[in-house]
């Protein structure tokens, strides 16, 4: 049977079928792809149907959904943000503060956060809460106390801020005051006060040292005087003891012998009222 070339109409119909099949396959592929979604690690997928938020979420991984559903990614990792703030102390001193927060959303309530706030929860909620908390707490301190009680200030702000963010299902992980600066006039006043306090402390220290030295010198004088007095007393007691022992050792015979040793042989002469009579004293009476 001889080969017959297909007619143009037949060829066109066949080409149309091929195009239709390809189009159907493309549509099926697109629909199939739209039914698959991937949630990256550290995120929660919030499912919406025609704009309405569903009561369930997707964890990280591959999930199937309806073609008309959309999955919004909510980052549930710990996030860090730094804010530049301007506050006032209780004594109306302006304070510039660099404040850093680490936070994360409550994963179980990701759909509620998206429903009530949206994906811009940092600018919508967190920044205003940071600003309000820092200003409220800073206003309770004087400028001088802000410097000396910085750790107490940071703790008070963190407690205040955590309570505010908790109402929006946002967990405050940690905070820190990176920097705190004051006006030049206040800084100069603080420096001058510190210099004055240091000078006062130095003067008090020198006065105390002089007082201690004077008391030490007086104590040395007292000790030396007491030592000298004790030495004289010991010497006097020793001399008295020696005299006592000598006195106890002297007998009548010794005294008489000493008298004879020292007598020059001359007899004592006594003149009476008439001036002419001499009285001889026996030797026995002179002993």
C-alpha atoms as a PDB file:
ATOM      1  CA  UNK A   1       0.000   0.000   0.000  1.00  0.00           C
ATOM      2  CA  UNK A   2       1.543   3.241  -1.021  1.00  0.00           C
ATOM      3  CA  UNK A   3       2.497   5.796   1.819  1.00  0.00           C
ATOM      4  CA  UNK A   4       0.139   8.714   2.087  1.00  0.00           C
ATOM      5  CA  UNK A   5       1.195  12.081   3.462  1.00  0.00           C
ATOM      6  CA  UNK A   6      -1.091  13.291   6.270  1.00  0.00           C
ATOM      7  CA  UNK A   7      -3.319  16.129   5.385  1.00  0.00           C
ATOM      8  CA  UNK A   8      -2.637  19.535   6.857  1.00  0.00           C
ATOM      9  CA  UNK A   9      -5.828  19.329   8.901  1.00  0.00           C
ATOM     10  CA  UNK A  10      -4.760  16.039  10.443  1.00  0.00           C
ATOM     11  CA  UNK A  11      -1.307  17.350  11.215  1.00  0.00           C
ATOM     12  CA  UNK A  12      -2.742  20.459  12.820  1.00  0.00           C
ATOM     13  CA  UNK A  13      -5.124  18.416  14.966  1.00  0.00           C
ATOM     14  CA  UNK A  14      -2.246  16.224  16.140  1.00  0.00           C
ATOM     15  CA  UNK A  15      -0.131  19.259  17.005  1.00  0.00           C
ATOM     16  CA  UNK A  16      -3.049  20.670  18.971  1.00  0.00           C
ATOM     17  CA  UNK A  17      -3.368  17.470  20.981  1.00  0.00           C
ATOM     18  CA  UNK A  18       0.318  17.587  21.838  1.00  0.00           C
ATOM     19  CA  UNK A  19       0.061  21.188  22.948  1.00  0.00           C
ATOM     20  CA  UNK A  20      -2.989  20.390  25.050  1.00  0.00           C
ATOM     21  CA  UNK A  21      -1.253  17.481  26.720  1.00  0.00           C
ATOM     22  CA  UNK A  22       1.814  19.592  27.460  1.00  0.00           C
ATOM     23  CA  UNK A  23      -0.365  22.356  28.842  1.00  0.00           C
ATOM     24  CA  UNK A  24      -2.232  19.921  31.076  1.00  0.00           C
ATOM     25  CA  UNK A  25       1.045  18.472  32.304  1.00  0.00           C
ATOM     26  CA  UNK A  26       2.345  21.978  33.009  1.00  0.00           C
ATOM     27  CA  UNK A  27      -0.809  22.867  34.914  1.00  0.00           C
ATOM     28  CA  UNK A  28      -0.609  19.614  36.878  1.00  0.00           C
ATOM     29  CA  UNK A  29       3.040  20.305  37.657  1.00  0.00           C
ATOM     30  CA  UNK A  30       2.280  23.863  38.783  1.00  0.00           C
ATOM     31  CA  UNK A  31      -0.633  22.704  40.910  1.00  0.00           C
ATOM     32  CA  UNK A  32       1.484  19.898  42.329  1.00  0.00           C
ATOM     33  CA  UNK A  33       4.273  22.289  43.203  1.00  0.00           C
ATOM     34  CA  UNK A  34       1.808  24.678  44.794  1.00  0.00           C
ATOM     35  CA  UNK A  35       0.669  21.860  47.054  1.00  0.00           C
ATOM     36  CA  UNK A  36       4.163  21.380  48.487  1.00  0.00           C
ATOM     37  CA  UNK A  37       5.868  23.831  50.835  1.00  0.00           C
ATOM     38  CA  UNK A  38       9.147  23.737  52.695  1.00  0.00           C
ATOM     39  CA  UNK A  39       9.635  25.338  56.107  1.00  0.00           C
ATOM     40  CA  UNK A  40      13.296  26.108  56.823  1.00  0.00           C
ATOM     41  CA  UNK A  41      14.979  25.228  60.113  1.00  0.00           C
ATOM     42  CA  UNK A  42      14.307  27.702  62.894  1.00  0.00           C
ATOM     43  CA  UNK A  43      11.005  28.834  61.433  1.00  0.00           C
ATOM     44  CA  UNK A  44       7.338  28.100  61.960  1.00  0.00           C
ATOM     45  CA  UNK A  45       4.949  27.989  59.023  1.00  0.00           C
ATOM     46  CA  UNK A  46       1.663  29.828  59.606  1.00  0.00           C
ATOM     47  CA  UNK A  47      -1.035  28.526  57.253  1.00  0.00           C
ATOM     48  CA  UNK A  48      -3.629  30.897  55.798  1.00  0.00           C
ATOM     49  CA  UNK A  49      -6.642  30.032  53.656  1.00  0.00           C
ATOM     50  CA  UNK A  50      -7.899  32.950  51.580  1.00  0.00           C
ATOM     51  CA  UNK A  51      -6.267  35.261  54.135  1.00  0.00           C
ATOM     52  CA  UNK A  52      -7.758  33.523  57.174  1.00  0.00           C
ATOM     53  CA  UNK A  53      -5.188  32.163  59.683  1.00  0.00           C
ATOM     54  CA  UNK A  54      -5.571  28.487  60.495  1.00  0.00           C
ATOM     55  CA  UNK A  55      -5.261  27.168  64.060  1.00  0.00           C
ATOM     56  CA  UNK A  56      -2.329  24.915  63.212  1.00  0.00           C
ATOM     57  CA  UNK A  57       1.238  25.558  62.074  1.00  0.00           C
ATOM     58  CA  UNK A  58       3.976  23.697  60.231  1.00  0.00           C
ATOM     59  CA  UNK A  59       7.328  22.870  61.809  1.00  0.00           C
ATOM     60  CA  UNK A  60      10.529  22.835  59.761  1.00  0.00           C
ATOM     61  CA  UNK A  61      10.466  20.352  56.862  1.00  0.00           C
ATOM     62  CA  UNK A  62       8.392  19.531  53.747  1.00  0.00           C
ATOM     63  CA  UNK A  63       4.610  19.754  53.986  1.00  0.00           C
ATOM     64  CA  UNK A  64       1.586  19.394  51.698  1.00  0.00           C
ATOM     65  CA  UNK A  65      -1.094  22.058  51.509  1.00  0.00           C
ATOM     66  CA  UNK A  66      -4.028  23.015  49.361  1.00  0.00           C
ATOM     67  CA  UNK A  67      -3.215  25.067  46.264  1.00  0.00           C
ATOM     68  CA  UNK A  68      -5.172  28.058  47.560  1.00  0.00           C
ATOM     69  CA  UNK A  69      -3.435  28.050  50.912  1.00  0.00           C
ATOM     70  CA  UNK A  70      -0.379  30.178  51.723  1.00  0.00           C
ATOM     71  CA  UNK A  71       2.320  29.466  54.296  1.00  0.00           C
ATOM     72  CA  UNK A  72       3.931  32.469  56.059  1.00  0.00           C
ATOM     73  CA  UNK A  73       7.356  31.893  57.619  1.00  0.00           C
ATOM     74  CA  UNK A  74       7.769  33.111  61.201  1.00  0.00           C
ATOM     75  CA  UNK A  75      11.328  33.141  62.552  1.00  0.00           C
ATOM     76  CA  UNK A  76      11.313  31.501  66.006  1.00  0.00           C
ATOM     77  CA  UNK A  77      15.091  31.664  66.547  1.00  0.00           C
ATOM     78  CA  UNK A  78      16.696  33.973  69.082  1.00  0.00           C
ATOM     79  CA  UNK A  79      17.082  37.347  67.421  1.00  0.00           C
ATOM     80  CA  UNK A  80      19.255  40.285  68.412  1.00  0.00           C
ATOM     81  CA  UNK A  81      18.495  43.960  67.941  1.00  0.00           C
ATOM     82  CA  UNK A  82      20.225  47.138  69.152  1.00  0.00           C
ATOM     83  CA  UNK A  83      18.315  50.364  69.761  1.00  0.00           C
ATOM     84  CA  UNK A  84      19.599  53.910  70.258  1.00  0.00           C
ATOM     85  CA  UNK A  85      17.514  55.665  72.910  1.00  0.00           C
ATOM     86  CA  UNK A  86      17.274  59.083  74.512  1.00  0.00           C
ATOM     87  CA  UNK A  87      15.912  59.240  78.073  1.00  0.00           C
ATOM     88  CA  UNK A  88      15.770  61.619  81.026  1.00  0.00           C
ATOM     89  CA  UNK A  89      16.734  60.982  84.631  1.00  0.00           C
ATOM     90  CA  UNK A  90      14.654  62.061  87.627  1.00  0.00           C
ATOM     91  CA  UNK A  91      16.741  65.245  87.882  1.00  0.00           C
ATOM     92  CA  UNK A  92      16.042  66.077  84.211  1.00  0.00           C
ATOM     93  CA  UNK A  93      19.433  65.072  82.837  1.00  0.00           C
ATOM     94  CA  UNK A  94      19.404  63.773  79.265  1.00  0.00           C
ATOM     95  CA  UNK A  95      20.814  60.270  78.857  1.00  0.00           C
ATOM     96  CA  UNK A  96      21.783  58.663  75.549  1.00  0.00           C
ATOM     97  CA  UNK A  97      21.634  54.890  75.726  1.00  0.00           C
ATOM     98  CA  UNK A  98      22.552  52.026  73.399  1.00  0.00           C
ATOM     99  CA  UNK A  99      20.327  49.118  74.403  1.00  0.00           C
ATOM    100  CA  UNK A 100      20.564  45.555  73.085  1.00  0.00           C
ATOM    101  CA  UNK A 101      17.848  42.893  73.364  1.00  0.00           C
ATOM    102  CA  UNK A 102      17.802  39.192  72.543  1.00  0.00           C
ATOM    103  CA  UNK A 103      14.305  37.807  72.029  1.00  0.00           C
ATOM    104  CA  UNK A 104      12.296  35.088  70.329  1.00  0.00           C
ATOM    105  CA  UNK A 105       8.650  34.508  69.572  1.00  0.00           C
ATOM    106  CA  UNK A 106       6.625  31.847  71.331  1.00  0.00           C
ATOM    107  CA  UNK A 107       6.611  29.069  68.738  1.00  0.00           C
ATOM    108  CA  UNK A 108       3.310  27.585  69.957  1.00  0.00           C
ATOM    109  CA  UNK A 109       1.580  30.924  69.437  1.00  0.00           C
ATOM    110  CA  UNK A 110       3.181  31.879  66.128  1.00  0.00           C
ATOM    111  CA  UNK A 111      -0.222  31.940  64.396  1.00  0.00           C
ATOM    112  CA  UNK A 112      -1.626  34.239  67.113  1.00  0.00           C
ATOM    113  CA  UNK A 113       1.312  36.606  66.691  1.00  0.00           C
ATOM    114  CA  UNK A 114       0.763  36.686  62.928  1.00  0.00           C
ATOM    115  CA  UNK A 115      -2.997  37.076  63.362  1.00  0.00           C
ATOM    116  CA  UNK A 116      -2.770  39.979  65.844  1.00  0.00           C
ATOM    117  CA  UNK A 117       0.501  41.677  64.866  1.00  0.00           C
ATOM    118  CA  UNK A 118       1.858  40.290  61.597  1.00  0.00           C
ATOM    119  CA  UNK A 119       5.422  39.627  60.551  1.00  0.00           C
ATOM    120  CA  UNK A 120       6.622  43.126  61.503  1.00  0.00           C
ATOM    121  CA  UNK A 121       6.239  42.459  65.219  1.00  0.00           C
ATOM    122  CA  UNK A 122       9.681  43.933  65.967  1.00  0.00           C
ATOM    123  CA  UNK A 123       8.824  47.417  64.748  1.00  0.00           C
ATOM    124  CA  UNK A 124       5.181  47.145  65.762  1.00  0.00           C
ATOM    125  CA  UNK A 125       5.591  45.866  69.331  1.00  0.00           C
ATOM    126  CA  UNK A 126       9.147  45.351  70.494  1.00  0.00           C
ATOM    127  CA  UNK A 127      10.623  48.776  69.727  1.00  0.00           C
ATOM    128  CA  UNK A 128       7.774  50.703  71.434  1.00  0.00           C
ATOM    129  CA  UNK A 129       8.016  48.412  74.485  1.00  0.00           C
ATOM    130  CA  UNK A 130      11.779  48.941  74.698  1.00  0.00           C
ATOM    131  CA  UNK A 131      11.387  52.702  74.439  1.00  0.00           C
ATOM    132  CA  UNK A 132       8.645  52.891  77.057  1.00  0.00           C
ATOM    133  CA  UNK A 133      10.344  50.551  79.536  1.00  0.00           C
ATOM    134  CA  UNK A 134      13.717  52.292  79.414  1.00  0.00           C
ATOM    135  CA  UNK A 135      12.174  55.745  79.779  1.00  0.00           C
ATOM    136  CA  UNK A 136       9.937  54.724  82.685  1.00  0.00           C
ATOM    137  CA  UNK A 137      12.728  53.030  84.641  1.00  0.00           C
ATOM    138  CA  UNK A 138      15.419  55.613  83.851  1.00  0.00           C
ATOM    139  CA  UNK A 139      13.154  58.376  85.184  1.00  0.00           C
ATOM    140  CA  UNK A 140      13.283  56.729  88.632  1.00  0.00           C
ATOM    141  CA  UNK A 141      17.048  57.316  88.976  1.00  0.00           C
ATOM    142  CA  UNK A 142      19.090  60.469  89.319  1.00  0.00           C
ATOM    143  CA  UNK A 143      21.791  60.942  86.716  1.00  0.00           C
ATOM    144  CA  UNK A 144      24.484  60.236  89.293  1.00  0.00           C
ATOM    145  CA  UNK A 145      22.756  57.009  90.377  1.00  0.00           C
ATOM    146  CA  UNK A 146      22.475  55.916  86.757  1.00  0.00           C
ATOM    147  CA  UNK A 147      26.269  55.817  86.684  1.00  0.00           C
ATOM    148  CA  UNK A 148      26.821  54.154  90.059  1.00  0.00           C
ATOM    149  CA  UNK A 149      23.857  51.744  89.843  1.00  0.00           C
ATOM    150  CA  UNK A 150      24.058  50.703  86.205  1.00  0.00           C
ATOM    151  CA  UNK A 151      23.547  46.984  86.887  1.00  0.00           C
ATOM    152  CA  UNK A 152      20.467  47.721  88.999  1.00  0.00           C
ATOM    153  CA  UNK A 153      19.087  49.907  86.206  1.00  0.00           C
ATOM    154  CA  UNK A 154      19.646  47.174  83.598  1.00  0.00           C
ATOM    155  CA  UNK A 155      17.877  44.574  85.755  1.00  0.00           C
ATOM    156  CA  UNK A 156      14.891  46.844  86.401  1.00  0.00           C
ATOM    157  CA  UNK A 157      14.482  47.626  82.684  1.00  0.00           C
ATOM    158  CA  UNK A 158      14.703  43.936  81.804  1.00  0.00           C
ATOM    159  CA  UNK A 159      11.967  42.997  84.289  1.00  0.00           C
ATOM    160  CA  UNK A 160       9.690  45.770  82.987  1.00  0.00           C
ATOM    161  CA  UNK A 161      10.315  44.909  79.338  1.00  0.00           C
ATOM    162  CA  UNK A 162       9.869  41.147  79.806  1.00  0.00           C
ATOM    163  CA  UNK A 163       6.442  41.705  81.357  1.00  0.00           C
ATOM    164  CA  UNK A 164       5.321  43.891  78.447  1.00  0.00           C
ATOM    165  CA  UNK A 165       6.535  41.506  75.714  1.00  0.00           C
ATOM    166  CA  UNK A 166       5.016  38.503  77.443  1.00  0.00           C
ATOM    167  CA  UNK A 167       1.555  39.916  76.683  1.00  0.00           C
ATOM    168  CA  UNK A 168       2.396  39.628  72.960  1.00  0.00           C
ATOM    169  CA  UNK A 169       3.742  36.029  73.211  1.00  0.00           C
ATOM    170  CA  UNK A 170       7.327  37.248  72.796  1.00  0.00           C
ATOM    171  CA  UNK A 171       9.986  35.943  75.158  1.00  0.00           C
ATOM    172  CA  UNK A 172      12.779  38.247  76.292  1.00  0.00           C
ATOM    173  CA  UNK A 173      15.966  36.155  76.451  1.00  0.00           C
ATOM    174  CA  UNK A 174      18.479  38.764  77.656  1.00  0.00           C
ATOM    175  CA  UNK A 175      19.275  42.466  77.572  1.00  0.00           C
ATOM    176  CA  UNK A 176      22.276  44.711  78.087  1.00  0.00           C
ATOM    177  CA  UNK A 177      23.099  48.402  78.237  1.00  0.00           C
ATOM    178  CA  UNK A 178      25.925  48.638  75.723  1.00  0.00           C
ATOM    179  CA  UNK A 179      26.651  52.317  76.316  1.00  0.00           C
ATOM    180  CA  UNK A 180      25.319  55.238  78.317  1.00  0.00           C
ATOM    181  CA  UNK A 181      26.316  58.839  77.750  1.00  0.00           C
ATOM    182  CA  UNK A 182      25.409  62.206  79.271  1.00  0.00           C
ATOM    183  CA  UNK A 183      25.698  65.835  78.245  1.00  0.00           C
ATOM    184  CA  UNK A 184      29.132  67.460  78.347  1.00  0.00           C
ATOM    185  CA  UNK A 185      28.056  69.774  81.184  1.00  0.00           C
ATOM    186  CA  UNK A 186      26.963  66.904  83.386  1.00  0.00           C
ATOM    187  CA  UNK A 187      30.065  64.865  82.578  1.00  0.00           C
ATOM    188  CA  UNK A 188      32.265  67.819  83.528  1.00  0.00           C
ATOM    189  CA  UNK A 189      30.337  68.319  86.780  1.00  0.00           C
ATOM    190  CA  UNK A 190      30.725  64.649  87.676  1.00  0.00           C
ATOM    191  CA  UNK A 191      34.451  64.751  86.961  1.00  0.00           C
ATOM    192  CA  UNK A 192      34.883  67.875  89.107  1.00  0.00           C
ATOM    193  CA  UNK A 193      32.937  66.269  91.933  1.00  0.00           C
ATOM    194  CA  UNK A 194      35.062  63.146  91.726  1.00  0.00           C
ATOM    195  CA  UNK A 195      38.233  65.253  91.838  1.00  0.00           C
ATOM    196  CA  UNK A 196      36.909  67.139  94.882  1.00  0.00           C
ATOM    197  CA  UNK A 197      36.023  63.874  96.623  1.00  0.00           C
ATOM    198  CA  UNK A 198      39.462  62.473  95.871  1.00  0.00           C
ATOM    199  CA  UNK A 199      41.137  65.617  97.235  1.00  0.00           C
ATOM    200  CA  UNK A 200      38.970  65.460 100.350  1.00  0.00           C
ATOM    201  CA  UNK A 201      39.779  61.796 100.832  1.00  0.00           C
ATOM    202  CA  UNK A 202      43.479  62.514 100.346  1.00  0.00           C
ATOM    203  CA  UNK A 203      43.355  65.326 102.939  1.00  0.00           C
ATOM    204  CA  UNK A 204      41.467  63.127 105.395  1.00  0.00           C
ATOM    205  CA  UNK A 205      43.973  60.344 104.832  1.00  0.00           C
ATOM    206  CA  UNK A 206      46.917  62.664 105.423  1.00  0.00           C
ATOM    207  CA  UNK A 207      45.295  64.094 108.562  1.00  0.00           C
ATOM    208  CA  UNK A 208      44.609  60.607 109.860  1.00  0.00           C
ATOM    209  CA  UNK A 209      48.185  59.566 109.121  1.00  0.00           C
ATOM    210  CA  UNK A 210      49.526  62.658 110.934  1.00  0.00           C
ATOM    211  CA  UNK A 211      47.271  61.872 113.904  1.00  0.00           C
ATOM    212  CA  UNK A 212      48.488  58.279 114.001  1.00  0.00           C
ATOM    213  CA  UNK A 213      52.100  59.392 113.785  1.00  0.00           C
ATOM    214  CA  UNK A 214      51.580  61.916 116.613  1.00  0.00           C
ATOM    215  CA  UNK A 215      49.916  59.282 118.769  1.00  0.00           C
ATOM    216  CA  UNK A 216      52.764  56.889 117.998  1.00  0.00           C
ATOM    217  CA  UNK A 217      55.381  59.513 118.964  1.00  0.00           C
ATOM    218  CA  UNK A 218      53.497  60.245 122.195  1.00  0.00           C
ATOM    219  CA  UNK A 219      53.294  56.539 122.931  1.00  0.00           C
ATOM    220  CA  UNK A 220      57.057  56.217 122.382  1.00  0.00           C
ATOM    221  CA  UNK A 221      57.689  59.135 124.764  1.00  0.00           C
ATOM    222  CA  UNK A 222      55.409  57.556 127.374  1.00  0.00           C
ATOM    223  CA  UNK A 223      57.110  54.205 126.994  1.00  0.00           C
ATOM    224  CA  UNK A 224      60.563  55.759 127.274  1.00  0.00           C
ATOM    225  CA  UNK A 225      59.518  57.775 130.358  1.00  0.00           C
ATOM    226  CA  UNK A 226      57.963  54.707 131.950  1.00  0.00           C
ATOM    227  CA  UNK A 227      61.063  52.674 131.160  1.00  0.00           C
ATOM    228  CA  UNK A 228      63.285  55.336 132.693  1.00  0.00           C
ATOM    229  CA  UNK A 229      61.077  55.511 135.783  1.00  0.00           C
ATOM    230  CA  UNK A 230      61.082  51.736 136.061  1.00  0.00           C
ATOM    231  CA  UNK A 231      64.860  51.721 135.738  1.00  0.00           C
ATOM    232  CA  UNK A 232      65.242  54.333 138.505  1.00  0.00           C
ATOM    233  CA  UNK A 233      62.838  52.381 140.696  1.00  0.00           C
ATOM    234  CA  UNK A 234      64.737  49.161 140.113  1.00  0.00           C
ATOM    235  CA  UNK A 235      68.004  50.927 140.838  1.00  0.00           C
ATOM    236  CA  UNK A 236      66.612  52.470 144.057  1.00  0.00           C
ATOM    237  CA  UNK A 237      65.173  49.147 145.156  1.00  0.00           C
ATOM    238  CA  UNK A 238      68.480  47.451 144.437  1.00  0.00           C
ATOM    239  CA  UNK A 239      70.366  50.091 146.405  1.00  0.00           C
ATOM    240  CA  UNK A 240      67.926  49.824 149.309  1.00  0.00           C
ATOM    241  CA  UNK A 241      68.253  46.070 149.269  1.00  0.00           C
ATOM    242  CA  UNK A 242      72.008  46.375 149.273  1.00  0.00           C
ATOM    243  CA  UNK A 243      71.905  48.815 152.186  1.00  0.00           C
ATOM    244  CA  UNK A 244      69.518  46.519 154.032  1.00  0.00           C
ATOM    245  CA  UNK A 245      71.814  43.585 153.579  1.00  0.00           C
ATOM    246  CA  UNK A 246      74.824  45.679 154.645  1.00  0.00           C
ATOM    247  CA  UNK A 247      72.933  46.895 157.709  1.00  0.00           C
ATOM    248  CA  UNK A 248      71.961  43.362 158.605  1.00  0.00           C
ATOM    249  CA  UNK A 249      75.570  42.221 158.215  1.00  0.00           C
ATOM    250  CA  UNK A 250      77.041  44.894 160.559  1.00  0.00           C
ATOM    251  CA  UNK A 251      77.522  43.589 164.140  1.00  0.00           C
ATOM    252  CA  UNK A 252      78.661  45.545 167.187  1.00  0.00           C
ATOM    253  CA  UNK A 253      82.112  43.994 166.929  1.00  0.00           C
ATOM    254  CA  UNK A 254      82.447  44.981 163.277  1.00  0.00           C
ATOM    255  CA  UNK A 255      81.329  48.539 164.056  1.00  0.00           C
ATOM    256  CA  UNK A 256      83.867  48.800 166.890  1.00  0.00           C
ATOM    257  CA  UNK A 257      86.643  47.473 164.656  1.00  0.00           C
ATOM    258  CA  UNK A 258      85.759  49.955 161.937  1.00  0.00           C
ATOM    259  CA  UNK A 259      85.842  52.727 164.508  1.00  0.00           C
ATOM    260  CA  UNK A 260      89.310  51.708 165.633  1.00  0.00           C
ATOM    261  CA  UNK A 261      90.433  51.472 162.006  1.00  0.00           C
ATOM    262  CA  UNK A 262      89.328  54.990 161.268  1.00  0.00           C
ATOM    263  CA  UNK A 263      90.143  56.687 164.687  1.00  0.00           C
ATOM    264  CA  UNK A 264      93.149  59.012 164.651  1.00  0.00           C
ATOM    265  CA  UNK A 265      93.842  58.616 168.415  1.00  0.00           C
ATOM    266  CA  UNK A 266      92.587  62.042 169.464  1.00  0.00           C
ATOM    267  CA  UNK A 267      90.137  62.119 172.334  1.00  0.00           C
ATOM    268  CA  UNK A 268      87.074  64.322 172.061  1.00  0.00           C
ATOM    269  CA  UNK A 269      87.150  67.416 174.231  1.00  0.00           C
ATOM    270  CA  UNK A 270      84.094  68.916 175.853  1.00  0.00           C
ATOM    271  CA  UNK A 271      84.216  72.389 177.296  1.00  0.00           C
ATOM    272  CA  UNK A 272      81.823  73.284 180.065  1.00  0.00           C
ATOM    273  CA  UNK A 273      80.223  76.611 180.780  1.00  0.00           C
ATOM    274  CA  UNK A 274      83.241  77.670 182.854  1.00  0.00           C
ATOM    275  CA  UNK A 275      85.459  76.794 179.891  1.00  0.00           C
ATOM    276  CA  UNK A 276      88.144  75.247 182.111  1.00  0.00           C
ATOM    277  CA  UNK A 277      87.168  71.650 182.602  1.00  0.00           C
ATOM    278  CA  UNK A 278      87.895  68.800 180.205  1.00  0.00           C
ATOM    279  CA  UNK A 279      85.865  65.641 180.219  1.00  0.00           C
ATOM    280  CA  UNK A 280      87.590  62.486 179.260  1.00  0.00           C
ATOM    281  CA  UNK A 281      85.362  59.896 177.670  1.00  0.00           C
ATOM    282  CA  UNK A 282      86.321  56.292 178.255  1.00  0.00           C
ATOM    283  CA  UNK A 283      87.152  54.285 175.185  1.00  0.00           C
ATOM    284  CA  UNK A 284      84.560  51.718 176.137  1.00  0.00           C
ATOM    285  CA  UNK A 285      81.842  54.386 175.907  1.00  0.00           C
ATOM    286  CA  UNK A 286      82.949  55.441 172.409  1.00  0.00           C
ATOM    287  CA  UNK A 287      82.288  52.044 171.038  1.00  0.00           C
END
